[in-house]
Amino acid sequence: MPDAFPGGFDAASGGFMIGLEAGELVGGFRVTTLCCNRAGMCHGGKLASVCDVYLLLAALFREDLRAAFLPTVSLTLDFMAPAMHGAWVELRAETLRITRSLVFAQGLATVEGTPVARSSAIYHRTAPQDGDSQDTGAALRALLGHMPATQSKIIP
């Protein structure tokens, strides 16, 4: 997907990648010098930013939310272990609940199967604006060639 703000924080810190595994959106990034603190560990700010965006993309991918973007209401992270320079951090998420105005999601970031961060987020579902036809979830599914299963967590 094209980056609406090229050269921003994602570019400066190396961003992250997404892919499809068993019908689920999986994210990941390599811990490079760009995202390390002085101790050679992935900076907590990098983990928080990636978890925030990845949880949102995973919810948009999985659910039929028909939205371009959902603002973050709350993001909580529990740092469980360091992700050292050179490590591959993998991200997986699940959507817990969707109401008329909120989306609840949680995820886990791991390095070689060891949890490094647990995240929980709440996103605000905004009303579609006139002429707003972008659907990020549909664009991701099309990009990755995925047909969604019937969603059952959406509460109108």
C-alpha atoms as a PDB file:
ATOM      1  CA  MET A   1       0.000   0.000   0.000  1.00  0.00           C
ATOM      2  CA  PRO A   2       1.298   3.459  -0.769  1.00  0.00           C
ATOM      3  CA  ASP A   3       2.575   5.450   2.181  1.00  0.00           C
ATOM      4  CA  ALA A   4       0.546   8.639   2.621  1.00  0.00           C
ATOM      5  CA  PHE A   5       3.387  10.292   4.538  1.00  0.00           C
ATOM      6  CA  PRO A   6       6.658   8.988   3.083  1.00  0.00           C
ATOM      7  CA  GLY A   7       9.796   9.890   4.997  1.00  0.00           C
ATOM      8  CA  GLY A   8       8.072  10.013   8.403  1.00  0.00           C
ATOM      9  CA  PHE A   9       8.704   8.003  11.562  1.00  0.00           C
ATOM     10  CA  ASP A  10       8.202   4.654   9.824  1.00  0.00           C
ATOM     11  CA  ALA A  11      10.898   5.464   7.292  1.00  0.00           C
ATOM     12  CA  ALA A  12      13.261   6.759   9.990  1.00  0.00           C
ATOM     13  CA  SER A  13      12.838   3.671  12.182  1.00  0.00           C
ATOM     14  CA  GLY A  14      12.619   1.059   9.446  1.00  0.00           C
ATOM     15  CA  GLY A  15       8.849   0.436   9.533  1.00  0.00           C
ATOM     16  CA  PHE A  16       7.622  -3.164   9.553  1.00  0.00           C
ATOM     17  CA  MET A  17       6.442  -5.841   7.117  1.00  0.00           C
ATOM     18  CA  ILE A  18       3.189  -7.740   6.832  1.00  0.00           C
ATOM     19  CA  GLY A  19       2.336 -11.055   5.269  1.00  0.00           C
ATOM     20  CA  LEU A  20      -0.334 -13.711   5.204  1.00  0.00           C
ATOM     21  CA  GLU A  21      -0.013 -16.965   7.142  1.00  0.00           C
ATOM     22  CA  ALA A  22      -2.913 -19.429   7.384  1.00  0.00           C
ATOM     23  CA  GLY A  23      -5.347 -16.630   6.519  1.00  0.00           C
ATOM     24  CA  GLU A  24      -4.065 -14.326   9.264  1.00  0.00           C
ATOM     25  CA  LEU A  25      -2.163 -11.069   8.905  1.00  0.00           C
ATOM     26  CA  VAL A  26       1.289 -11.489  10.471  1.00  0.00           C
ATOM     27  CA  GLY A  27       3.672  -8.592  11.014  1.00  0.00           C
ATOM     28  CA  GLY A  28       7.351  -8.381  11.702  1.00  0.00           C
ATOM     29  CA  PHE A  29      10.494  -6.301  11.634  1.00  0.00           C
ATOM     30  CA  ARG A  30      14.225  -6.692  12.051  1.00  0.00           C
ATOM     31  CA  VAL A  31      15.710  -4.819  15.025  1.00  0.00           C
ATOM     32  CA  THR A  32      18.234  -2.521  13.334  1.00  0.00           C
ATOM     33  CA  THR A  33      20.484   0.227  14.644  1.00  0.00           C
ATOM     34  CA  LEU A  34      17.765   2.736  13.670  1.00  0.00           C
ATOM     35  CA  CYS A  35      15.407   1.388  16.340  1.00  0.00           C
ATOM     36  CA  CYS A  36      17.863   0.486  19.120  1.00  0.00           C
ATOM     37  CA  ASN A  37      18.541   2.275  22.366  1.00  0.00           C
ATOM     38  CA  ARG A  38      22.035   2.670  23.854  1.00  0.00           C
ATOM     39  CA  ALA A  39      21.898  -0.853  25.291  1.00  0.00           C
ATOM     40  CA  GLY A  40      21.452  -2.410  21.821  1.00  0.00           C
ATOM     41  CA  MET A  41      17.803  -3.303  22.461  1.00  0.00           C
ATOM     42  CA  CYS A  42      14.769  -2.313  20.446  1.00  0.00           C
ATOM     43  CA  HIS A  43      13.507   0.981  21.846  1.00  0.00           C
ATOM     44  CA  GLY A  44      10.136   0.751  23.610  1.00  0.00           C
ATOM     45  CA  GLY A  45       8.828   3.581  21.444  1.00  0.00           C
ATOM     46  CA  LYS A  46       9.491   1.533  18.309  1.00  0.00           C
ATOM     47  CA  LEU A  47       7.697  -1.492  19.773  1.00  0.00           C
ATOM     48  CA  ALA A  48       4.759   0.678  20.864  1.00  0.00           C
ATOM     49  CA  SER A  49       4.423   2.338  17.450  1.00  0.00           C
ATOM     50  CA  VAL A  50       4.633  -0.927  15.549  1.00  0.00           C
ATOM     51  CA  CYS A  51       2.155  -2.674  17.875  1.00  0.00           C
ATOM     52  CA  ASP A  52      -0.303   0.237  17.543  1.00  0.00           C
ATOM     53  CA  VAL A  53      -0.259   0.240  13.740  1.00  0.00           C
ATOM     54  CA  TYR A  54      -0.105  -3.554  13.395  1.00  0.00           C
ATOM     55  CA  LEU A  55      -3.088  -4.171  15.729  1.00  0.00           C
ATOM     56  CA  LEU A  56      -5.081  -1.641  13.714  1.00  0.00           C
ATOM     57  CA  LEU A  57      -4.127  -3.207  10.370  1.00  0.00           C
ATOM     58  CA  ALA A  58      -4.871  -6.714  11.678  1.00  0.00           C
ATOM     59  CA  ALA A  59      -8.363  -5.621  12.797  1.00  0.00           C
ATOM     60  CA  LEU A  60      -9.047  -3.836   9.497  1.00  0.00           C
ATOM     61  CA  PHE A  61      -7.786  -6.906   7.604  1.00  0.00           C
ATOM     62  CA  ARG A  62      -9.839  -9.448   9.549  1.00  0.00           C
ATOM     63  CA  GLU A  63     -13.075  -7.538  10.059  1.00  0.00           C
ATOM     64  CA  ASP A  64     -15.334  -5.821   7.563  1.00  0.00           C
ATOM     65  CA  LEU A  65     -14.956  -2.348   9.107  1.00  0.00           C
ATOM     66  CA  ARG A  66     -14.980  -0.445   5.788  1.00  0.00           C
ATOM     67  CA  ALA A  67     -12.676   2.244   7.094  1.00  0.00           C
ATOM     68  CA  ALA A  68      -9.467   3.880   5.957  1.00  0.00           C
ATOM     69  CA  PHE A  69      -8.223   4.551   9.477  1.00  0.00           C
ATOM     70  CA  LEU A  70      -9.332   4.232  13.109  1.00  0.00           C
ATOM     71  CA  PRO A  71      -7.866   6.650  15.688  1.00  0.00           C
ATOM     72  CA  THR A  72      -6.269   5.063  18.757  1.00  0.00           C
ATOM     73  CA  VAL A  73      -8.219   5.640  21.975  1.00  0.00           C
ATOM     74  CA  SER A  74      -5.964   3.563  24.228  1.00  0.00           C
ATOM     75  CA  LEU A  75      -2.772   1.562  23.815  1.00  0.00           C
ATOM     76  CA  THR A  76      -1.240  -0.534  26.584  1.00  0.00           C
ATOM     77  CA  LEU A  77       2.045  -2.406  26.344  1.00  0.00           C
ATOM     78  CA  ASP A  78       3.701  -4.822  28.715  1.00  0.00           C
ATOM     79  CA  PHE A  79       7.403  -5.186  27.951  1.00  0.00           C
ATOM     80  CA  MET A  80       8.314  -8.766  28.799  1.00  0.00           C
ATOM     81  CA  ALA A  81      11.843  -9.280  27.438  1.00  0.00           C
ATOM     82  CA  PRO A  82      14.354  -7.350  25.343  1.00  0.00           C
ATOM     83  CA  ALA A  83      14.417  -7.612  21.558  1.00  0.00           C
ATOM     84  CA  MET A  84      18.124  -7.321  20.820  1.00  0.00           C
ATOM     85  CA  HIS A  85      19.821  -5.802  17.788  1.00  0.00           C
ATOM     86  CA  GLY A  86      19.500  -8.148  14.806  1.00  0.00           C
ATOM     87  CA  ALA A  87      16.474 -10.037  16.161  1.00  0.00           C
ATOM     88  CA  TRP A  88      13.359 -10.667  14.061  1.00  0.00           C
ATOM     89  CA  VAL A  89      10.271  -9.510  15.957  1.00  0.00           C
ATOM     90  CA  GLU A  90       7.046 -11.250  14.880  1.00  0.00           C
ATOM     91  CA  LEU A  91       3.598  -9.808  15.591  1.00  0.00           C
ATOM     92  CA  ARG A  92       0.251 -11.585  15.838  1.00  0.00           C
ATOM     93  CA  ALA A  93      -3.097 -10.163  16.877  1.00  0.00           C
ATOM     94  CA  GLU A  94      -6.743 -10.892  17.468  1.00  0.00           C
ATOM     95  CA  THR A  95      -9.818  -8.730  17.458  1.00  0.00           C
ATOM     96  CA  LEU A  96     -11.652  -9.138  20.749  1.00  0.00           C
ATOM     97  CA  ARG A  97     -14.815  -7.125  20.211  1.00  0.00           C
ATOM     98  CA  ILE A  98     -16.354  -4.564  17.903  1.00  0.00           C
ATOM     99  CA  THR A  99     -19.126  -2.182  18.904  1.00  0.00           C
ATOM    100  CA  ARG A 100     -20.748   0.681  17.006  1.00  0.00           C
ATOM    101  CA  SER A 101     -18.014   3.057  18.091  1.00  0.00           C
ATOM    102  CA  LEU A 102     -15.031   0.992  19.314  1.00  0.00           C
ATOM    103  CA  VAL A 103     -12.729  -1.845  18.225  1.00  0.00           C
ATOM    104  CA  PHE A 104     -10.868  -3.851  20.894  1.00  0.00           C
ATOM    105  CA  ALA A 105      -7.726  -5.773  19.877  1.00  0.00           C
ATOM    106  CA  GLN A 106      -4.776  -7.476  21.503  1.00  0.00           C
ATOM    107  CA  GLY A 107      -1.511  -8.861  20.264  1.00  0.00           C
ATOM    108  CA  LEU A 108       1.801 -10.435  21.072  1.00  0.00           C
ATOM    109  CA  ALA A 109       5.282  -9.584  19.782  1.00  0.00           C
ATOM    110  CA  THR A 110       7.749 -12.459  19.962  1.00  0.00           C
ATOM    111  CA  VAL A 111      11.388 -13.193  19.147  1.00  0.00           C
ATOM    112  CA  GLU A 112      11.979 -16.854  18.273  1.00  0.00           C
ATOM    113  CA  GLY A 113       8.802 -17.783  20.164  1.00  0.00           C
ATOM    114  CA  THR A 114       9.684 -15.795  23.311  1.00  0.00           C
ATOM    115  CA  PRO A 115       7.193 -13.022  24.124  1.00  0.00           C
ATOM    116  CA  VAL A 116       8.847  -9.591  24.181  1.00  0.00           C
ATOM    117  CA  ALA A 117       5.719  -7.400  24.368  1.00  0.00           C
ATOM    118  CA  ARG A 118       2.012  -7.859  24.935  1.00  0.00           C
ATOM    119  CA  SER A 119      -0.245  -5.123  23.587  1.00  0.00           C
ATOM    120  CA  SER A 120      -3.852  -4.136  23.941  1.00  0.00           C
ATOM    121  CA  ALA A 121      -5.591  -1.364  22.021  1.00  0.00           C
ATOM    122  CA  ILE A 122      -8.940   0.328  21.620  1.00  0.00           C
ATOM    123  CA  TYR A 123      -9.695   2.132  18.354  1.00  0.00           C
ATOM    124  CA  HIS A 124     -12.507   4.585  17.630  1.00  0.00           C
ATOM    125  CA  ARG A 125     -14.809   3.806  14.706  1.00  0.00           C
ATOM    126  CA  THR A 126     -15.488   7.086  12.981  1.00  0.00           C
ATOM    127  CA  ALA A 127     -18.462   7.800  10.721  1.00  0.00           C
ATOM    128  CA  PRO A 128     -17.600   7.675   7.009  1.00  0.00           C
ATOM    129  CA  GLN A 129     -16.985  11.106   5.512  1.00  0.00           C
ATOM    130  CA  ASP A 130     -18.563  12.231   2.241  1.00  0.00           C
ATOM    131  CA  GLY A 131     -16.486  10.934  -0.640  1.00  0.00           C
ATOM    132  CA  ASP A 132     -14.440   8.696   1.682  1.00  0.00           C
ATOM    133  CA  SER A 133     -14.306   5.424  -0.211  1.00  0.00           C
ATOM    134  CA  GLN A 134     -10.964   4.036   0.965  1.00  0.00           C
ATOM    135  CA  ASP A 135     -11.247   0.720   2.789  1.00  0.00           C
ATOM    136  CA  THR A 136      -7.837  -0.265   4.170  1.00  0.00           C
ATOM    137  CA  GLY A 137      -8.980  -3.769   5.129  1.00  0.00           C
ATOM    138  CA  ALA A 138     -10.285  -4.488   1.628  1.00  0.00           C
ATOM    139  CA  ALA A 139      -7.103  -3.065   0.105  1.00  0.00           C
ATOM    140  CA  LEU A 140      -4.955  -5.317   2.321  1.00  0.00           C
ATOM    141  CA  ARG A 141      -7.053  -8.386   1.507  1.00  0.00           C
ATOM    142  CA  ALA A 142      -6.803  -7.618  -2.216  1.00  0.00           C
ATOM    143  CA  LEU A 143      -3.061  -6.984  -1.977  1.00  0.00           C
ATOM    144  CA  LEU A 144      -2.512 -10.295  -0.193  1.00  0.00           C
ATOM    145  CA  GLY A 145      -5.079 -12.224  -2.260  1.00  0.00           C
ATOM    146  CA  HIS A 146      -7.203 -13.145   0.750  1.00  0.00           C
ATOM    147  CA  MET A 147     -10.957 -13.666   0.858  1.00  0.00           C
ATOM    148  CA  PRO A 148     -12.281 -13.037   4.391  1.00  0.00           C
ATOM    149  CA  ALA A 149     -14.364 -15.555   6.277  1.00  0.00           C
ATOM    150  CA  THR A 150     -17.742 -14.446   7.567  1.00  0.00           C
ATOM    151  CA  GLN A 151     -17.199 -12.073  10.455  1.00  0.00           C
ATOM    152  CA  SER A 152     -19.327 -12.578  13.536  1.00  0.00           C
ATOM    153  CA  LYS A 153     -17.889 -10.134  16.077  1.00  0.00           C
ATOM    154  CA  ILE A 154     -19.395  -6.962  14.614  1.00  0.00           C
ATOM    155  CA  ILE A 155     -22.225  -5.463  16.609  1.00  0.00           C
ATOM    156  CA  PRO A 156     -24.234  -2.953  14.518  1.00  0.00           C
END
